[in-house]
C-alpha atoms as a PDB file:
ATOM      1  CA  UNK A   1     -13.285  13.571   9.052  1.00  0.00           C
ATOM      2  CA  UNK A   2     -10.799  10.821   8.690  1.00  0.00           C
ATOM      3  CA  UNK A   3      -9.688  10.120   5.033  1.00  0.00           C
ATOM      4  CA  UNK A   4      -7.017   8.229   2.848  1.00  0.00           C
ATOM      5  CA  UNK A   5      -5.989   9.323  -0.416  1.00  0.00           C
ATOM      6  CA  UNK A   6      -3.790   7.161  -2.681  1.00  0.00           C
ATOM      7  CA  UNK A   7      -1.828   8.830  -5.406  1.00  0.00           C
ATOM      8  CA  UNK A   8       1.141   8.167  -7.749  1.00  0.00           C
ATOM      9  CA  UNK A   9      -0.394   5.544 -10.169  1.00  0.00           C
ATOM     10  CA  UNK A  10       0.126   5.694 -13.701  1.00  0.00           C
ATOM     11  CA  UNK A  11       1.106   3.793 -16.926  1.00  0.00           C
ATOM     12  CA  UNK A  12       4.609   2.333 -17.138  1.00  0.00           C
ATOM     13  CA  UNK A  13       6.473  -0.353 -19.317  1.00  0.00           C
ATOM     14  CA  UNK A  14       7.621  -3.528 -17.835  1.00  0.00           C
ATOM     15  CA  UNK A  15      10.675  -3.178 -15.665  1.00  0.00           C
ATOM     16  CA  UNK A  16       9.601   0.387 -14.777  1.00  0.00           C
ATOM     17  CA  UNK A  17       9.011   1.963 -11.573  1.00  0.00           C
ATOM     18  CA  UNK A  18       6.460   4.016  -9.552  1.00  0.00           C
ATOM     19  CA  UNK A  19       6.031   5.431  -6.273  1.00  0.00           C
ATOM     20  CA  UNK A  20       2.489   5.215  -4.719  1.00  0.00           C
ATOM     21  CA  UNK A  21       1.594   7.528  -1.865  1.00  0.00           C
ATOM     22  CA  UNK A  22      -0.919   7.142   0.812  1.00  0.00           C
ATOM     23  CA  UNK A  23      -1.778  10.454   2.582  1.00  0.00           C
ATOM     24  CA  UNK A  24      -4.105  10.728   5.470  1.00  0.00           C
ATOM     25  CA  UNK A  25      -6.112  13.618   6.711  1.00  0.00           C
ATOM     26  CA  UNK A  26      -7.689  13.881  10.208  1.00  0.00           C
ATOM     27  CA  UNK A  27      -5.138  11.662  11.825  1.00  0.00           C
ATOM     28  CA  UNK A  28      -1.455  10.793  11.873  1.00  0.00           C
ATOM     29  CA  UNK A  29      -0.509   7.643  10.115  1.00  0.00           C
ATOM     30  CA  UNK A  30       2.361   6.932  12.312  1.00  0.00           C
ATOM     31  CA  UNK A  31      -0.126   5.560  14.989  1.00  0.00           C
ATOM     32  CA  UNK A  32      -1.684   2.905  12.699  1.00  0.00           C
ATOM     33  CA  UNK A  33      -0.839  -0.124  10.901  1.00  0.00           C
ATOM     34  CA  UNK A  34      -0.962   0.668   7.029  1.00  0.00           C
ATOM     35  CA  UNK A  35      -1.476  -1.939   4.503  1.00  0.00           C
ATOM     36  CA  UNK A  36      -1.180  -1.646   0.643  1.00  0.00           C
ATOM     37  CA  UNK A  37      -3.294  -4.101  -1.230  1.00  0.00           C
ATOM     38  CA  UNK A  38      -4.480  -4.538  -4.945  1.00  0.00           C
ATOM     39  CA  UNK A  39      -7.189  -5.445  -6.970  1.00  0.00           C
ATOM     40  CA  UNK A  40      -6.636  -6.596 -10.542  1.00  0.00           C
ATOM     41  CA  UNK A  41      -9.639  -6.931 -13.118  1.00  0.00           C
ATOM     42  CA  UNK A  42     -11.718 -10.165 -12.406  1.00  0.00           C
ATOM     43  CA  UNK A  43      -9.459 -10.871  -9.566  1.00  0.00           C
ATOM     44  CA  UNK A  44      -9.850 -10.817  -5.741  1.00  0.00           C
ATOM     45  CA  UNK A  45      -7.833  -8.738  -3.502  1.00  0.00           C
ATOM     46  CA  UNK A  46      -4.377  -9.220  -2.889  1.00  0.00           C
ATOM     47  CA  UNK A  47      -2.276  -7.813   0.028  1.00  0.00           C
ATOM     48  CA  UNK A  48       0.959  -6.281  -1.261  1.00  0.00           C
ATOM     49  CA  UNK A  49       2.891  -4.919   1.701  1.00  0.00           C
ATOM     50  CA  UNK A  50       2.041  -3.630   5.196  1.00  0.00           C
ATOM     51  CA  UNK A  51       4.027  -1.787   8.084  1.00  0.00           C
ATOM     52  CA  UNK A  52       3.069  -1.905  11.279  1.00  0.00           C
ATOM     53  CA  UNK A  53       2.171   1.213  13.903  1.00  0.00           C
ATOM     54  CA  UNK A  54       5.131   2.278  16.041  1.00  0.00           C
ATOM     55  CA  UNK A  55       7.987  -0.256  15.194  1.00  0.00           C
ATOM     56  CA  UNK A  56       7.388  -0.004  11.412  1.00  0.00           C
ATOM     57  CA  UNK A  57       7.982  -3.463  10.906  1.00  0.00           C
ATOM     58  CA  UNK A  58       7.293  -4.616   7.336  1.00  0.00           C
ATOM     59  CA  UNK A  59       5.967  -7.511   5.567  1.00  0.00           C
ATOM     60  CA  UNK A  60       5.367  -8.283   1.873  1.00  0.00           C
ATOM     61  CA  UNK A  61       3.703 -10.618  -0.522  1.00  0.00           C
ATOM     62  CA  UNK A  62       6.171 -13.025  -1.906  1.00  0.00           C
ATOM     63  CA  UNK A  63       5.113 -11.892  -5.375  1.00  0.00           C
ATOM     64  CA  UNK A  64       6.774  -8.260  -4.535  1.00  0.00           C
ATOM     65  CA  UNK A  65       9.615  -9.183  -2.397  1.00  0.00           C
ATOM     66  CA  UNK A  66      12.476  -7.620  -3.385  1.00  0.00           C
ATOM     67  CA  UNK A  67      10.830  -5.309  -5.770  1.00  0.00           C
ATOM     68  CA  UNK A  68       8.489  -3.252  -3.561  1.00  0.00           C
ATOM     69  CA  UNK A  69       9.268  -1.266  -0.552  1.00  0.00           C
ATOM     70  CA  UNK A  70       7.130   0.268   1.834  1.00  0.00           C
ATOM     71  CA  UNK A  71       8.099   2.899   4.005  1.00  0.00           C
ATOM     72  CA  UNK A  72       6.907   6.009   6.239  1.00  0.00           C
ATOM     73  CA  UNK A  73       7.302   9.769   5.577  1.00  0.00           C
ATOM     74  CA  UNK A  74       6.075  11.216   8.745  1.00  0.00           C
ATOM     75  CA  UNK A  75       6.940  14.593   7.940  1.00  0.00           C
ATOM     76  CA  UNK A  76       4.458  14.448   5.111  1.00  0.00           C
ATOM     77  CA  UNK A  77       2.107  12.039   6.835  1.00  0.00           C
ATOM     78  CA  UNK A  78       2.260   9.580   4.204  1.00  0.00           C
ATOM     79  CA  UNK A  79       2.850   5.762   3.376  1.00  0.00           C
ATOM     80  CA  UNK A  80       4.729   5.195   0.487  1.00  0.00           C
ATOM     81  CA  UNK A  81       4.876   2.153  -1.611  1.00  0.00           C
ATOM     82  CA  UNK A  82       7.953   2.240  -4.056  1.00  0.00           C
ATOM     83  CA  UNK A  83       7.581  -0.076  -6.764  1.00  0.00           C
ATOM     84  CA  UNK A  84      10.408  -1.334  -9.069  1.00  0.00           C
ATOM     85  CA  UNK A  85      11.062  -3.758 -11.926  1.00  0.00           C
ATOM     86  CA  UNK A  86       7.288  -3.573 -12.552  1.00  0.00           C
ATOM     87  CA  UNK A  87       5.435  -6.574 -14.414  1.00  0.00           C
ATOM     88  CA  UNK A  88       2.384  -6.751 -16.469  1.00  0.00           C
ATOM     89  CA  UNK A  89       0.852  -8.895 -13.448  1.00  0.00           C
ATOM     90  CA  UNK A  90       1.349  -5.912 -11.186  1.00  0.00           C
ATOM     91  CA  UNK A  91      -1.423  -4.231 -12.975  1.00  0.00           C
ATOM     92  CA  UNK A  92      -4.318  -3.328 -10.667  1.00  0.00           C
ATOM     93  CA  UNK A  93      -5.962  -0.801  -8.591  1.00  0.00           C
ATOM     94  CA  UNK A  94      -4.105  -0.083  -5.691  1.00  0.00           C
ATOM     95  CA  UNK A  95      -5.464   0.862  -2.222  1.00  0.00           C
ATOM     96  CA  UNK A  96      -4.052   1.539   0.938  1.00  0.00           C
ATOM     97  CA  UNK A  97      -5.795   0.897   4.757  1.00  0.00           C
ATOM     98  CA  UNK A  98      -5.480   1.804   8.005  1.00  0.00           C
ATOM     99  CA  UNK A  99      -5.845  -0.495  11.046  1.00  0.00           C
ATOM    100  CA  UNK A 100      -6.058   0.885  14.620  1.00  0.00           C
ATOM    101  CA  UNK A 101      -5.530  -0.756  17.971  1.00  0.00           C
ATOM    102  CA  UNK A 102      -2.578  -2.666  19.390  1.00  0.00           C
ATOM    103  CA  UNK A 103       0.043  -2.941  16.798  1.00  0.00           C
ATOM    104  CA  UNK A 104       1.024  -6.559  15.919  1.00  0.00           C
ATOM    105  CA  UNK A 105       4.513  -7.641  16.201  1.00  0.00           C
ATOM    106  CA  UNK A 106       4.277  -8.253  12.458  1.00  0.00           C
ATOM    107  CA  UNK A 107       1.401  -7.204  10.297  1.00  0.00           C
ATOM    108  CA  UNK A 108      -0.489  -9.701   7.951  1.00  0.00           C
ATOM    109  CA  UNK A 109      -0.258  -8.691   4.192  1.00  0.00           C
ATOM    110  CA  UNK A 110      -3.765  -9.303   3.709  1.00  0.00           C
ATOM    111  CA  UNK A 111      -6.939  -7.101   3.692  1.00  0.00           C
ATOM    112  CA  UNK A 112      -9.850  -7.689   6.075  1.00  0.00           C
ATOM    113  CA  UNK A 113     -12.756  -6.117   7.640  1.00  0.00           C
ATOM    114  CA  UNK A 114     -10.504  -5.169  10.691  1.00  0.00           C
ATOM    115  CA  UNK A 115      -9.155  -2.387   8.697  1.00  0.00           C
ATOM    116  CA  UNK A 116     -10.590   0.921   9.911  1.00  0.00           C
ATOM    117  CA  UNK A 117     -10.308   2.965   6.718  1.00  0.00           C
ATOM    118  CA  UNK A 118      -9.212   2.767   3.089  1.00  0.00           C
ATOM    119  CA  UNK A 119      -8.962   5.312   0.255  1.00  0.00           C
ATOM    120  CA  UNK A 120     -10.278   4.995  -3.387  1.00  0.00           C
ATOM    121  CA  UNK A 121      -7.331   3.656  -5.041  1.00  0.00           C
ATOM    122  CA  UNK A 122      -5.051   4.750  -7.469  1.00  0.00           C
ATOM    123  CA  UNK A 123      -4.499   2.678 -10.760  1.00  0.00           C
ATOM    124  CA  UNK A 124      -1.301   0.805 -12.084  1.00  0.00           C
ATOM    125  CA  UNK A 125      -1.017  -0.208 -15.554  1.00  0.00           C
ATOM    126  CA  UNK A 126       2.125  -2.035 -16.717  1.00  0.00           C
ATOM    127  CA  UNK A 127       2.409  -2.556 -20.361  1.00  0.00           C
ATOM    128  CA  UNK A 128       4.538  -2.737 -23.233  1.00  0.00           C
END
């Protein structure tokens, strides 16, 4: 069964860092375009970062550019999200999602029904 599992969430103070990991079972993530998105309480889903299949081209939401980095670890079959200089507004439930099919030249940082799989999320809380 194909499954995505997010991990690495937690509680940190503003300015701190966390590294989230999206692990796959049943398929190799390097063949999929992967999106990290988040949902804060009372707000709609917000795309955070994505990485395309094969070329590993990345794209980021303006709100996280320069602070977050998405990357693949093919040996571990994960896609990680390094989050630095965290702000209270980064508090949310973070999900990863996988999109199959032909890889786009550059991925869109937005979750949609086109994504084939997503996980249950990992919670990030940024508070002093």
